Amino acid sequence: MVWHAYRGAERLEVTVGEWTYTMTLWPFTGVAPERTTGEATGEWVLGGRFVRQVLQGEIGGEEFEGIGY
């Protein structure tokens, strides 16, 4: 367990770890949705103040990488 910089941050603990995700995208109205899967990793950063999520996968035949906090 990481020391958390603010009260309530422990609720983010469930997002820490390694995950396999499935994502559905609707590029335009009336177009069939595209489904894709990939890997995501969540880790505490900045002294336990934030969780960084890094996603890697493929969308439309192209490699995809995303980062979220």
N, C-alpha and C. Protein backbone atom coordinates (compact mmCIF):
# COMPACT_ATOMS: atom_id res chain seq x y z
N MET A 1 0.84 -1.18 0.00
CA MET A 1 0.00 0.00 0.00
C MET A 1 0.88 1.24 0.00
N VAL A 2 0.50 2.21 -0.76
CA VAL A 2 1.23 3.46 -0.90
C VAL A 2 0.66 4.49 0.07
N TRP A 3 1.52 5.34 0.62
CA TRP A 3 1.03 6.46 1.41
C TRP A 3 0.34 7.41 0.47
N HIS A 4 -0.86 7.88 0.83
CA HIS A 4 -1.64 8.75 -0.04
C HIS A 4 -1.58 10.19 0.46
N ALA A 5 -1.41 11.09 -0.47
CA ALA A 5 -1.22 12.50 -0.14
C ALA A 5 -2.51 13.17 0.30
N TYR A 6 -3.65 12.62 0.01
CA TYR A 6 -4.91 13.24 0.41
C TYR A 6 -5.92 12.18 0.81
N ARG A 7 -6.84 12.59 1.62
CA ARG A 7 -7.86 11.68 2.12
C ARG A 7 -8.77 11.21 0.99
N GLY A 8 -9.05 9.95 0.92
CA GLY A 8 -9.92 9.39 -0.11
C GLY A 8 -9.17 8.79 -1.28
N ALA A 9 -7.86 9.05 -1.38
CA ALA A 9 -7.09 8.54 -2.51
C ALA A 9 -7.04 7.02 -2.54
N GLU A 10 -7.21 6.39 -1.39
CA GLU A 10 -7.15 4.92 -1.35
C GLU A 10 -8.23 4.28 -2.22
N ARG A 11 -9.27 5.03 -2.56
CA ARG A 11 -10.31 4.49 -3.45
C ARG A 11 -9.76 4.21 -4.84
N LEU A 12 -8.66 4.85 -5.21
CA LEU A 12 -8.05 4.63 -6.52
C LEU A 12 -7.23 3.34 -6.58
N GLU A 13 -6.99 2.74 -5.43
CA GLU A 13 -6.15 1.53 -5.36
C GLU A 13 -6.66 0.43 -6.28
N VAL A 14 -7.96 0.34 -6.51
CA VAL A 14 -8.52 -0.71 -7.37
C VAL A 14 -8.09 -0.56 -8.83
N THR A 15 -7.58 0.62 -9.21
CA THR A 15 -7.14 0.84 -10.60
C THR A 15 -5.66 0.54 -10.79
N VAL A 16 -4.96 0.20 -9.71
CA VAL A 16 -3.53 -0.10 -9.78
C VAL A 16 -3.34 -1.57 -10.12
N GLY A 17 -2.47 -1.85 -11.09
CA GLY A 17 -2.19 -3.22 -11.48
C GLY A 17 -2.15 -3.36 -12.99
N GLU A 18 -2.18 -4.59 -13.45
CA GLU A 18 -2.16 -4.88 -14.88
C GLU A 18 -3.52 -5.44 -15.29
N TRP A 19 -4.02 -4.97 -16.44
CA TRP A 19 -5.37 -5.29 -16.87
C TRP A 19 -5.39 -5.60 -18.36
N THR A 20 -6.36 -6.39 -18.76
CA THR A 20 -6.71 -6.55 -20.18
C THR A 20 -8.05 -5.86 -20.36
N TYR A 21 -8.14 -5.00 -21.37
CA TYR A 21 -9.38 -4.26 -21.57
C TYR A 21 -9.99 -4.56 -22.93
N THR A 22 -11.30 -4.33 -23.04
CA THR A 22 -12.03 -4.38 -24.29
C THR A 22 -12.68 -3.02 -24.46
N MET A 23 -12.50 -2.42 -25.63
CA MET A 23 -13.02 -1.09 -25.89
C MET A 23 -13.89 -1.13 -27.15
N THR A 24 -15.01 -0.40 -27.12
CA THR A 24 -15.88 -0.29 -28.28
C THR A 24 -15.90 1.17 -28.72
N LEU A 25 -15.62 1.42 -30.00
CA LEU A 25 -15.58 2.77 -30.56
C LEU A 25 -16.66 2.92 -31.61
N TRP A 26 -17.34 4.04 -31.60
CA TRP A 26 -18.31 4.39 -32.63
C TRP A 26 -17.74 5.60 -33.39
N PRO A 27 -17.05 5.37 -34.51
CA PRO A 27 -16.37 6.48 -35.19
C PRO A 27 -17.33 7.54 -35.73
N PHE A 28 -18.47 7.13 -36.25
CA PHE A 28 -19.46 8.06 -36.80
C PHE A 28 -20.85 7.49 -36.58
N THR A 29 -21.84 8.35 -36.55
CA THR A 29 -23.22 7.91 -36.44
C THR A 29 -23.57 7.05 -37.65
N GLY A 30 -24.19 5.91 -37.40
CA GLY A 30 -24.60 5.03 -38.48
C GLY A 30 -23.54 4.04 -38.94
N VAL A 31 -22.33 4.15 -38.40
CA VAL A 31 -21.24 3.22 -38.76
C VAL A 31 -21.17 2.14 -37.68
N ALA A 32 -20.93 0.93 -38.09
CA ALA A 32 -20.83 -0.18 -37.13
C ALA A 32 -19.69 0.09 -36.14
N PRO A 33 -19.90 -0.23 -34.87
CA PRO A 33 -18.85 -0.01 -33.88
C PRO A 33 -17.65 -0.92 -34.12
N GLU A 34 -16.50 -0.45 -33.70
CA GLU A 34 -15.27 -1.24 -33.81
C GLU A 34 -14.87 -1.66 -32.40
N ARG A 35 -14.60 -2.94 -32.23
CA ARG A 35 -14.17 -3.45 -30.92
C ARG A 35 -12.70 -3.80 -30.98
N THR A 36 -12.02 -3.49 -29.89
CA THR A 36 -10.59 -3.77 -29.81
C THR A 36 -10.24 -4.15 -28.38
N THR A 37 -9.13 -4.82 -28.20
CA THR A 37 -8.65 -5.19 -26.87
C THR A 37 -7.20 -4.73 -26.73
N GLY A 38 -6.74 -4.69 -25.50
CA GLY A 38 -5.36 -4.30 -25.26
C GLY A 38 -5.00 -4.52 -23.80
N GLU A 39 -3.86 -4.00 -23.44
CA GLU A 39 -3.33 -4.13 -22.08
C GLU A 39 -3.26 -2.75 -21.44
N ALA A 40 -3.54 -2.68 -20.14
CA ALA A 40 -3.45 -1.43 -19.39
C ALA A 40 -2.68 -1.68 -18.10
N THR A 41 -1.90 -0.69 -17.69
CA THR A 41 -1.16 -0.77 -16.44
C THR A 41 -1.44 0.49 -15.64
N GLY A 42 -1.77 0.33 -14.37
CA GLY A 42 -2.00 1.46 -13.47
C GLY A 42 -0.97 1.45 -12.36
N GLU A 43 -0.38 2.63 -12.08
CA GLU A 43 0.62 2.72 -11.01
C GLU A 43 0.54 4.07 -10.32
N TRP A 44 0.84 4.08 -9.02
CA TRP A 44 0.87 5.32 -8.26
C TRP A 44 2.06 6.15 -8.71
N VAL A 45 1.84 7.46 -8.86
CA VAL A 45 2.91 8.39 -9.23
C VAL A 45 2.81 9.64 -8.37
N LEU A 46 3.86 10.45 -8.41
CA LEU A 46 3.91 11.74 -7.71
C LEU A 46 3.59 11.60 -6.24
N GLY A 47 4.27 10.65 -5.61
CA GLY A 47 4.13 10.49 -4.17
C GLY A 47 2.78 10.01 -3.70
N GLY A 48 2.09 9.24 -4.54
CA GLY A 48 0.79 8.71 -4.15
C GLY A 48 -0.36 9.67 -4.35
N ARG A 49 -0.13 10.72 -5.15
CA ARG A 49 -1.19 11.70 -5.39
C ARG A 49 -2.06 11.35 -6.60
N PHE A 50 -1.49 10.60 -7.55
CA PHE A 50 -2.20 10.28 -8.78
C PHE A 50 -1.93 8.83 -9.18
N VAL A 51 -2.84 8.26 -9.97
CA VAL A 51 -2.61 6.96 -10.60
C VAL A 51 -2.46 7.23 -12.10
N ARG A 52 -1.35 6.76 -12.65
CA ARG A 52 -1.13 6.89 -14.10
C ARG A 52 -1.56 5.58 -14.75
N GLN A 53 -2.40 5.68 -15.78
CA GLN A 53 -2.85 4.53 -16.55
C GLN A 53 -2.22 4.60 -17.93
N VAL A 54 -1.54 3.54 -18.32
CA VAL A 54 -0.95 3.45 -19.66
C VAL A 54 -1.65 2.32 -20.39
N LEU A 55 -2.22 2.63 -21.56
CA LEU A 55 -2.95 1.65 -22.36
C LEU A 55 -2.20 1.39 -23.66
N GLN A 56 -2.15 0.14 -24.06
CA GLN A 56 -1.54 -0.24 -25.33
C GLN A 56 -2.44 -1.24 -26.02
N GLY A 57 -2.64 -1.04 -27.31
CA GLY A 57 -3.49 -1.94 -28.06
C GLY A 57 -3.42 -1.60 -29.54
N GLU A 58 -4.49 -1.94 -30.24
CA GLU A 58 -4.57 -1.72 -31.67
C GLU A 58 -5.96 -1.19 -32.01
N ILE A 59 -6.02 -0.15 -32.82
CA ILE A 59 -7.30 0.41 -33.28
C ILE A 59 -7.22 0.55 -34.79
N GLY A 60 -8.15 -0.06 -35.49
CA GLY A 60 -8.18 0.04 -36.94
C GLY A 60 -6.91 -0.46 -37.62
N GLY A 61 -6.28 -1.46 -37.03
CA GLY A 61 -5.07 -2.02 -37.60
C GLY A 61 -3.80 -1.24 -37.27
N GLU A 62 -3.94 -0.16 -36.51
CA GLU A 62 -2.79 0.67 -36.12
C GLU A 62 -2.52 0.50 -34.64
N GLU A 63 -1.23 0.57 -34.25
CA GLU A 63 -0.90 0.50 -32.83
C GLU A 63 -1.41 1.75 -32.13
N PHE A 64 -1.86 1.56 -30.89
CA PHE A 64 -2.42 2.64 -30.09
C PHE A 64 -1.75 2.64 -28.72
N GLU A 65 -1.41 3.82 -28.23
CA GLU A 65 -0.91 3.96 -26.86
C GLU A 65 -1.54 5.20 -26.26
N GLY A 66 -2.09 5.06 -25.07
CA GLY A 66 -2.72 6.19 -24.40
C GLY A 66 -2.26 6.28 -22.97
N ILE A 67 -2.29 7.50 -22.44
CA ILE A 67 -1.90 7.74 -21.05
C ILE A 67 -3.00 8.58 -20.40
N GLY A 68 -3.39 8.21 -19.20
CA GLY A 68 -4.39 8.97 -18.47
C GLY A 68 -4.01 9.07 -17.00
N TYR A 69 -4.48 10.11 -16.35
CA TYR A 69 -4.22 10.31 -14.91
C TYR A 69 -5.52 10.47 -14.19
